[in-house]
Amino acid sequence: MTTADILGSFLWHDLMTTDPGAAGDFYPKVLGWKSEPMEGSDYKLWTSSKGMSGGTSQLDSEAQTPPHWLAYVGTPDIGATIDKAKELGGSLVKDIKEVPSVGKYAVLADPQGAVFAVYAPESADSTDTGGSFTWHELATSDLEAAWDFYGELFGWSKEGEHDMGPMGIYLLFGQNGKQLGGMYKAPPDRPMPPNWLSYMSVPSAEDAAEAAKDAGGQVANGPMEVPGGDLIAQLIDPQGAFFAVHQLNPKAAKAKKPKKSAPKRETAEVDPVDATESAASAPAKKSAKPNGAAAPAATKTAASKTKAAAKKAPTKSKAKTAAAPAPAKKGAAKKGAAKKAANKTAAKKAPAKKKAPAKAAAKKAPKKAAAKKAAVKKSAKPAAVKKSKKKATKKK
């Protein structure tokens, strides 16, 4: 990642919990991660086969917020970002703190109360979380106001909207053409404080949900299939932190695996941990509930438009092809047989154009088939006239 890509990117995730030790036992069973202590600190790192995935912090005893996952959004200038957030109606929850050799961070709240963090890394190379987090979803009390705030603060772009009927609009946002997540207004029948929900990549959403229950957690929603074929489940850890898991479309992943009948063929298998580039693949909206993901549906809609355009394109080219034989019609008017072909369709005119040179060749080749003798006799007539004129001249 370059410095230019830092602003608006989700760079880090922290689990703020009342019991880091219990969390260290729970999440490895659900996600397959490992919890490792950070040298010289009580802070613990989450690591996976792809590298660092985030960290765990002890929630302050005086904190009025329940255990939760905190998403960090990148900025090259943390001071300027905080000032701008305040101007836009946000508030500072925790002032700037510097972590040696890591960077600076601060915790903010948007105008509706959703908490998030901003992070200015010391090095752009220290921002890769290995693709462990694939989607970020905001539930808010005012969708339009929330979008104005975040779009202005981080330069996010609106990637699309999906009408969920009575549940309102699911707004897709992204950066540089890449979808990052979605936003929606929490429905009245499901009151909840504005919050951010992070989706974590897993090989199997169903296995993760079962593991969460076995380890003392809860399944809040799912597992379920979302538009595009991906599977998601929304879970709660034993301390009460809400999080979600995301599995790539099992059928699509299976289709890309090597066939047993052709073991020599090199085919790359899909590792769900590398699911970050698929946003038609990122969790998006659910067909019935807004906490799901909308990215696959938007991708599907775009795909259908592309197919529709592709179907129209050949029609346009056919129209040009039909117009092309027009010059051949003018040349064919000189031949008697072409008069009958003039009423035929444009599709049949094209061959007529190709036959015209053959008629010209017939005049130069009197030894060809009998069908061309008429052309030879016609060309021989002027020669006979010239011969009779010469005889008449001699007689005179």
Protein backbone atom coordinates (compact mmCIF):
# COMPACT_ATOMS: atom_id res chain seq x y z
CA MET A 1 0.00 0.00 0.00
CA THR A 2 1.28 3.47 -0.90
CA THR A 3 0.91 6.66 1.11
CA ALA A 4 -1.70 7.89 -1.39
CA ASP A 5 -3.87 4.85 -0.65
CA ILE A 6 -3.88 5.31 3.11
CA LEU A 7 -6.68 7.91 3.39
CA GLY A 8 -10.02 6.15 3.72
CA SER A 9 -8.65 2.58 3.82
CA PHE A 10 -9.49 0.23 6.71
CA LEU A 11 -6.03 -0.48 8.10
CA TRP A 12 -6.46 -2.17 11.47
CA HIS A 13 -9.00 -3.73 13.85
CA ASP A 14 -8.98 -4.00 17.64
CA LEU A 15 -11.14 -6.12 19.89
CA MET A 16 -12.02 -3.98 22.90
CA THR A 17 -13.02 -6.51 25.56
CA THR A 18 -13.40 -6.98 29.30
CA ASP A 19 -11.55 -10.31 29.21
CA PRO A 20 -8.63 -10.54 26.74
CA GLY A 21 -7.69 -13.99 28.06
CA ALA A 22 -11.12 -15.47 27.34
CA ALA A 23 -11.16 -13.80 23.94
CA GLY A 24 -7.78 -15.37 23.24
CA ASP A 25 -9.36 -18.78 23.74
CA PHE A 26 -12.58 -18.07 21.83
CA TYR A 27 -11.50 -16.54 18.51
CA PRO A 28 -8.86 -19.13 17.53
CA LYS A 29 -11.59 -21.78 17.73
CA VAL A 30 -13.91 -19.74 15.47
CA LEU A 31 -11.52 -18.04 13.04
CA GLY A 32 -8.39 -20.16 13.23
CA TRP A 33 -6.32 -17.17 14.38
CA LYS A 34 -3.64 -17.14 17.07
CA SER A 35 -3.28 -14.67 19.93
CA GLU A 36 0.29 -13.59 20.59
CA PRO A 37 1.56 -11.02 23.10
CA MET A 38 3.22 -7.89 21.78
CA GLU A 39 6.75 -7.51 23.10
CA GLY A 40 6.95 -5.06 25.98
CA SER A 41 3.19 -4.54 26.19
CA ASP A 42 -0.05 -6.04 27.47
CA TYR A 43 -1.44 -5.64 23.97
CA LYS A 44 -2.02 -8.92 22.12
CA LEU A 45 -1.82 -9.44 18.37
CA TRP A 46 -4.11 -11.58 16.24
CA THR A 47 -2.16 -13.51 13.62
CA SER A 48 -3.26 -15.82 10.85
CA SER A 49 -1.53 -17.77 8.08
CA LYS A 50 -1.41 -14.51 6.11
CA GLY A 51 0.16 -12.39 8.85
CA MET A 52 -1.22 -9.96 11.43
CA SER A 53 -5.00 -9.58 11.53
CA GLY A 54 -5.51 -7.12 14.39
CA GLY A 55 -5.18 -6.85 18.13
CA THR A 56 -6.88 -7.13 21.53
CA SER A 57 -7.08 -4.41 24.17
CA GLN A 58 -8.41 -4.39 27.69
CA LEU A 59 -11.56 -2.27 27.84
CA ASP A 60 -11.27 0.41 30.51
CA SER A 61 -13.31 -0.34 33.61
CA GLU A 62 -14.70 3.19 33.43
CA ALA A 63 -15.73 2.81 29.80
CA GLN A 64 -19.45 3.08 29.24
CA THR A 65 -19.33 1.11 26.00
CA PRO A 66 -19.77 -2.69 25.88
CA PRO A 67 -17.13 -4.98 24.32
CA HIS A 68 -16.82 -4.34 20.59
CA TRP A 69 -14.57 -4.51 17.55
CA LEU A 70 -13.05 -1.13 16.64
CA ALA A 71 -12.17 -0.41 13.00
CA TYR A 72 -9.28 1.96 12.20
CA VAL A 73 -9.49 4.11 9.07
CA GLY A 74 -6.25 5.44 7.62
CA THR A 75 -5.17 9.05 7.28
CA PRO A 76 -1.82 10.62 6.34
CA ASP A 77 -2.52 13.59 8.67
CA ILE A 78 -4.32 12.59 11.86
CA GLY A 79 -4.55 16.13 13.25
CA ALA A 80 -6.20 17.49 10.11
CA THR A 81 -8.63 14.56 10.00
CA ILE A 82 -9.71 15.12 13.62
CA ASP A 83 -10.28 18.83 12.99
CA LYS A 84 -12.32 18.07 9.89
CA ALA A 85 -14.40 15.46 11.73
CA LYS A 86 -15.28 18.05 14.36
CA GLU A 87 -16.25 20.59 11.69
CA LEU A 88 -18.57 17.99 10.15
CA GLY A 89 -20.32 17.33 13.46
CA GLY A 90 -18.24 14.44 14.82
CA SER A 91 -16.65 14.28 18.26
CA LEU A 92 -13.36 13.18 19.78
CA VAL A 93 -13.72 10.14 22.06
CA LYS A 94 -10.02 9.51 22.71
CA ASP A 95 -7.29 11.98 21.88
CA ILE A 96 -4.22 11.22 19.77
CA LYS A 97 -1.93 8.55 21.14
CA GLU A 98 1.41 7.61 19.66
CA VAL A 99 2.69 4.03 19.56
CA PRO A 100 6.48 3.96 19.04
CA SER A 101 7.54 2.52 15.68
CA VAL A 102 3.87 2.00 14.78
CA GLY A 103 2.10 5.33 14.35
CA LYS A 104 -0.58 7.55 15.85
CA TYR A 105 -4.27 6.91 16.42
CA ALA A 106 -7.36 8.53 17.92
CA VAL A 107 -10.95 7.43 18.53
CA LEU A 108 -13.87 9.43 17.12
CA ALA A 109 -17.66 9.26 16.94
CA ASP A 110 -19.74 10.33 13.95
CA PRO A 111 -22.68 12.76 14.35
CA GLN A 112 -25.08 9.85 14.96
CA GLY A 113 -22.83 8.24 17.61
CA ALA A 114 -21.10 5.36 15.77
CA VAL A 115 -17.55 4.95 17.09
CA PHE A 116 -14.50 4.42 14.86
CA ALA A 117 -10.79 5.17 14.97
CA VAL A 118 -8.39 7.04 12.70
CA TYR A 119 -4.84 5.82 12.25
CA ALA A 120 -1.74 7.46 10.80
CA PRO A 121 0.83 4.64 10.35
CA GLU A 122 4.49 5.43 10.63
CA SER A 123 5.09 3.37 7.51
CA ALA A 124 2.72 2.50 4.68
CA ASP A 125 4.22 -1.00 4.67
CA SER A 126 2.83 -1.77 8.14
CA THR A 127 -0.84 -1.55 7.15
CA ASP A 128 -1.54 -4.95 5.62
CA THR A 129 -3.88 -7.16 7.70
CA GLY A 130 -3.65 -10.09 5.29
CA GLY A 131 -7.15 -9.80 3.86
CA SER A 132 -8.72 -11.09 7.09
CA PHE A 133 -11.43 -8.40 7.04
CA THR A 134 -13.52 -8.27 3.89
CA TRP A 135 -16.42 -5.89 4.54
CA HIS A 136 -17.45 -3.04 6.86
CA GLU A 137 -21.07 -2.16 7.53
CA LEU A 138 -22.58 0.86 9.27
CA ALA A 139 -26.00 0.75 10.90
CA THR A 140 -27.11 4.33 11.52
CA SER A 141 -30.09 6.45 12.50
CA ASP A 142 -29.67 8.87 9.56
CA LEU A 143 -28.29 7.38 6.36
CA GLU A 144 -28.06 10.62 4.38
CA ALA A 145 -26.29 12.53 7.18
CA ALA A 146 -23.91 9.62 7.83
CA TRP A 147 -22.96 9.40 4.17
CA ASP A 148 -22.31 13.15 3.98
CA PHE A 149 -20.02 12.89 7.01
CA TYR A 150 -17.91 9.92 5.93
CA GLY A 151 -17.83 10.81 2.25
CA GLU A 152 -16.46 14.25 3.06
CA LEU A 153 -14.07 13.05 5.78
CA PHE A 154 -12.41 10.17 3.92
CA GLY A 155 -13.17 10.90 0.28
CA TRP A 156 -15.20 7.72 -0.12
CA SER A 157 -17.27 7.36 -3.27
CA LYS A 158 -20.82 6.12 -3.55
CA GLU A 159 -20.61 2.84 -5.46
CA GLY A 160 -24.35 2.22 -5.70
CA GLU A 161 -27.62 1.91 -3.82
CA HIS A 162 -29.97 -0.99 -3.37
CA ASP A 163 -33.63 -0.56 -2.53
CA MET A 164 -34.58 -3.06 0.17
CA GLY A 165 -38.26 -2.11 0.09
CA PRO A 166 -39.76 -1.33 3.49
CA MET A 167 -36.31 -1.53 5.07
CA GLY A 168 -35.01 1.35 2.95
CA ILE A 169 -31.79 1.86 1.02
CA TYR A 170 -28.54 -0.04 1.38
CA LEU A 171 -25.75 2.29 0.25
CA LEU A 172 -22.50 0.87 -1.10
CA PHE A 173 -19.32 2.90 -0.63
CA GLY A 174 -15.77 2.45 -1.79
CA GLN A 175 -12.46 3.96 -2.74
CA ASN A 176 -10.77 4.10 -6.14
CA GLY A 177 -13.46 1.85 -7.62
CA LYS A 178 -13.08 -0.81 -4.92
CA GLN A 179 -16.07 -1.51 -2.68
CA LEU A 180 -15.29 -1.32 1.02
CA GLY A 181 -18.66 -1.75 2.69
CA GLY A 182 -22.23 -0.59 3.07
CA MET A 183 -24.49 1.67 5.13
CA TYR A 184 -28.17 1.46 6.01
CA LYS A 185 -30.68 3.00 8.37
CA ALA A 186 -31.62 0.67 11.21
CA PRO A 187 -35.35 -0.15 10.94
CA PRO A 188 -37.71 1.02 13.72
CA ASP A 189 -38.61 -2.55 14.68
CA ARG A 190 -34.95 -3.34 15.33
CA PRO A 191 -33.69 -0.43 17.43
CA MET A 192 -29.93 -0.40 17.95
CA PRO A 193 -27.31 2.26 18.61
CA PRO A 194 -25.38 3.35 15.48
CA ASN A 195 -22.40 1.05 15.07
CA TRP A 196 -19.85 -0.43 12.69
CA LEU A 197 -19.81 -4.19 12.00
CA SER A 198 -16.68 -5.87 10.62
CA TYR A 199 -16.81 -9.05 8.51
CA MET A 200 -13.98 -11.57 8.82
CA SER A 201 -13.00 -14.09 6.16
CA VAL A 202 -13.45 -17.79 7.00
CA PRO A 203 -13.30 -21.04 4.99
CA SER A 204 -16.79 -22.02 6.19
CA ALA A 205 -19.45 -19.73 7.70
CA GLU A 206 -21.38 -22.74 8.96
CA ASP A 207 -18.37 -24.22 10.73
CA ALA A 208 -17.54 -20.85 12.27
CA ALA A 209 -21.09 -20.47 13.58
CA GLU A 210 -21.04 -23.93 15.12
CA ALA A 211 -17.64 -23.31 16.66
CA ALA A 212 -18.86 -20.03 18.14
CA LYS A 213 -21.78 -21.78 19.85
CA ASP A 214 -19.57 -24.58 21.14
CA ALA A 215 -17.12 -22.02 22.56
CA GLY A 216 -19.79 -20.09 24.46
CA GLY A 217 -20.76 -17.50 21.86
CA GLN A 218 -24.09 -16.84 20.16
CA VAL A 219 -25.37 -16.82 16.59
CA ALA A 220 -27.31 -13.60 16.05
CA ASN A 221 -28.12 -14.21 12.39
CA GLY A 222 -27.39 -16.91 9.80
CA PRO A 223 -25.55 -18.66 8.38
CA MET A 224 -27.25 -17.45 5.24
CA GLU A 225 -26.57 -16.98 1.57
CA VAL A 226 -26.40 -13.43 0.23
CA PRO A 227 -26.76 -12.25 -3.38
CA GLY A 228 -23.76 -13.52 -5.30
CA GLY A 229 -23.64 -16.87 -3.51
CA ASP A 230 -21.41 -15.91 -0.57
CA LEU A 231 -22.33 -17.08 2.94
CA ILE A 232 -22.34 -14.95 6.09
CA ALA A 233 -23.16 -15.32 9.77
CA GLN A 234 -23.41 -12.66 12.47
CA LEU A 235 -22.07 -13.73 15.83
CA ILE A 236 -21.57 -12.54 19.42
CA ASP A 237 -18.58 -13.57 21.49
CA PRO A 238 -18.91 -14.63 25.17
CA GLN A 239 -18.14 -11.08 26.37
CA GLY A 240 -20.78 -9.52 24.12
CA ALA A 241 -18.73 -8.21 21.17
CA PHE A 242 -20.66 -8.35 17.88
CA PHE A 243 -18.83 -9.53 14.72
CA ALA A 244 -19.56 -11.29 11.43
CA VAL A 245 -17.94 -13.99 9.30
CA HIS A 246 -17.88 -14.21 5.50
CA GLN A 247 -17.30 -17.20 3.25
CA LEU A 248 -16.69 -16.88 -0.48
CA ASN A 249 -19.21 -18.48 -2.81
CA PRO A 250 -18.55 -22.23 -2.22
CA LYS A 251 -19.61 -23.16 -5.76
CA ALA A 252 -17.32 -20.56 -7.34
CA ALA A 253 -14.40 -21.65 -5.19
CA LYS A 254 -15.02 -25.31 -5.99
CA ALA A 255 -15.18 -24.61 -9.72
CA LYS A 256 -11.67 -23.14 -9.63
CA LYS A 257 -10.09 -26.16 -7.94
CA PRO A 258 -8.06 -28.63 -10.10
CA LYS A 259 -10.02 -31.50 -11.62
CA LYS A 260 -9.07 -34.96 -10.36
CA SER A 261 -9.06 -36.34 -13.90
CA ALA A 262 -6.36 -33.90 -14.94
CA PRO A 263 -3.88 -33.65 -12.06
CA LYS A 264 -1.13 -32.21 -14.26
CA ARG A 265 -3.14 -29.13 -15.05
CA GLU A 266 -2.12 -26.19 -12.83
CA THR A 267 -5.20 -24.45 -11.51
CA ALA A 268 -5.03 -21.94 -8.65
CA GLU A 269 -7.26 -22.81 -5.73
CA VAL A 270 -9.18 -20.02 -4.00
CA ASP A 271 -8.08 -19.25 -0.46
CA PRO A 272 -10.98 -17.50 1.33
CA VAL A 273 -8.46 -15.41 3.20
CA ASP A 274 -7.63 -13.71 -0.12
CA ALA A 275 -11.22 -12.58 -0.61
CA THR A 276 -10.56 -8.89 -0.24
CA GLU A 277 -10.54 -8.11 -4.12
CA SER A 278 -13.98 -9.57 -4.73
CA ALA A 279 -16.43 -7.04 -3.69
CA ALA A 280 -19.09 -8.81 -6.16
CA SER A 281 -17.97 -11.24 -3.64
CA ALA A 282 -17.86 -9.01 -0.42
CA PRO A 283 -20.83 -9.51 1.98
CA ALA A 284 -23.62 -7.20 1.03
CA LYS A 285 -27.29 -6.75 1.72
CA LYS A 286 -29.47 -9.62 2.69
CA SER A 287 -32.65 -10.35 0.88
CA ALA A 288 -34.66 -9.91 4.08
CA LYS A 289 -32.47 -8.09 6.64
CA PRO A 290 -30.22 -5.08 6.22
CA ASN A 291 -27.25 -6.38 8.19
CA GLY A 292 -26.24 -8.59 5.27
CA ALA A 293 -24.13 -7.42 2.39
CA ALA A 294 -25.16 -5.61 -0.76
CA ALA A 295 -22.01 -5.85 -2.85
CA PRO A 296 -22.93 -9.14 -4.61
CA ALA A 297 -26.35 -7.77 -5.57
CA ALA A 298 -24.84 -4.64 -7.03
CA THR A 299 -22.34 -6.75 -8.95
CA LYS A 300 -25.13 -8.95 -10.20
CA THR A 301 -27.10 -5.91 -11.35
CA ALA A 302 -24.06 -4.52 -13.12
CA ALA A 303 -23.48 -7.87 -14.75
CA SER A 304 -27.02 -8.01 -16.06
CA LYS A 305 -26.63 -4.52 -17.54
CA THR A 306 -23.40 -5.60 -19.19
CA LYS A 307 -25.12 -8.63 -20.70
CA ALA A 308 -27.95 -6.46 -21.95
CA ALA A 309 -25.47 -4.10 -23.59
CA ALA A 310 -23.66 -7.04 -25.14
CA LYS A 311 -26.88 -8.28 -26.70
CA LYS A 312 -27.59 -4.86 -28.19
CA ALA A 313 -24.10 -4.49 -29.62
CA PRO A 314 -24.46 -7.25 -32.27
CA THR A 315 -27.75 -5.71 -33.40
CA LYS A 316 -25.96 -2.48 -34.06
CA SER A 317 -23.24 -4.20 -36.07
CA LYS A 318 -25.86 -6.10 -38.06
CA ALA A 319 -27.48 -2.83 -39.01
CA LYS A 320 -24.15 -1.65 -40.41
CA THR A 321 -23.70 -4.92 -42.29
CA ALA A 322 -27.14 -4.58 -43.81
CA ALA A 323 -26.31 -1.09 -45.04
CA ALA A 324 -22.96 -2.14 -46.51
CA PRO A 325 -24.37 -4.01 -49.59
CA ALA A 326 -26.00 -0.81 -50.92
CA PRO A 327 -23.15 -0.04 -53.40
CA ALA A 328 -23.49 -3.58 -54.81
CA LYS A 329 -27.07 -2.82 -55.70
CA LYS A 330 -25.94 0.01 -57.98
CA GLY A 331 -23.49 -2.26 -59.84
CA ALA A 332 -26.00 -5.05 -60.17
CA ALA A 333 -28.47 -2.76 -61.93
CA LYS A 334 -26.36 -3.12 -65.06
CA LYS A 335 -27.17 -6.82 -65.22
CA GLY A 336 -30.56 -8.22 -66.06
CA ALA A 337 -30.44 -10.87 -63.36
CA ALA A 338 -29.74 -8.27 -60.67
CA LYS A 339 -33.18 -6.67 -61.21
CA LYS A 340 -34.86 -9.72 -59.69
CA ALA A 341 -32.42 -9.72 -56.75
CA ALA A 342 -33.09 -6.04 -55.97
CA ASN A 343 -36.19 -6.93 -53.93
CA LYS A 344 -34.36 -9.46 -51.77
CA THR A 345 -33.30 -8.78 -48.14
CA ALA A 346 -30.13 -6.91 -47.23
CA ALA A 347 -28.64 -10.15 -45.94
CA LYS A 348 -28.90 -11.68 -49.44
CA LYS A 349 -27.37 -8.62 -51.13
CA ALA A 350 -23.96 -9.29 -49.65
CA PRO A 351 -23.38 -12.45 -51.76
CA ALA A 352 -24.46 -10.51 -54.88
CA LYS A 353 -21.63 -8.11 -54.29
CA LYS A 354 -19.15 -10.97 -54.25
CA LYS A 355 -20.54 -12.48 -57.53
CA ALA A 356 -20.06 -9.28 -59.52
CA PRO A 357 -16.32 -9.85 -60.12
CA ALA A 358 -17.11 -13.37 -61.35
CA LYS A 359 -19.26 -11.92 -64.18
CA ALA A 360 -16.45 -9.64 -65.23
CA ALA A 361 -14.09 -12.61 -65.25
CA ALA A 362 -16.51 -14.52 -67.47
CA LYS A 363 -15.88 -12.04 -70.33
CA LYS A 364 -12.15 -12.82 -70.22
CA ALA A 365 -12.57 -16.59 -69.98
CA PRO A 366 -14.72 -17.86 -72.94
CA LYS A 367 -13.70 -21.48 -72.16
CA LYS A 368 -15.60 -21.54 -68.83
CA ALA A 369 -18.97 -23.17 -68.06
CA ALA A 370 -21.94 -22.88 -70.38
CA ALA A 371 -23.69 -20.63 -67.88
CA LYS A 372 -21.20 -17.87 -68.89
CA LYS A 373 -21.54 -18.33 -72.72
CA ALA A 374 -24.13 -15.61 -72.87
CA ALA A 375 -21.56 -13.13 -71.63
CA VAL A 376 -19.03 -14.39 -74.25
CA LYS A 377 -21.51 -14.03 -77.15
CA LYS A 378 -22.38 -10.57 -75.96
CA SER A 379 -18.71 -9.56 -75.99
CA ALA A 380 -18.18 -11.17 -79.46
CA LYS A 381 -20.93 -9.07 -81.13
CA PRO A 382 -18.95 -5.82 -81.33
CA ALA A 383 -16.09 -7.76 -83.03
CA ALA A 384 -18.43 -8.99 -85.80
CA VAL A 385 -19.66 -5.45 -86.42
CA LYS A 386 -16.07 -4.21 -86.81
CA LYS A 387 -15.35 -7.03 -89.33
CA SER A 388 -18.37 -6.19 -91.50
CA LYS A 389 -17.34 -2.50 -91.52
CA LYS A 390 -13.88 -3.44 -92.84
CA LYS A 391 -15.38 -5.44 -95.73
CA ALA A 392 -17.63 -2.57 -96.63
CA THR A 393 -14.63 -0.23 -96.81
CA LYS A 394 -12.76 -2.52 -99.22
CA LYS A 395 -15.68 -2.71 -101.59
CA LYS A 396 -15.77 1.05 -101.80
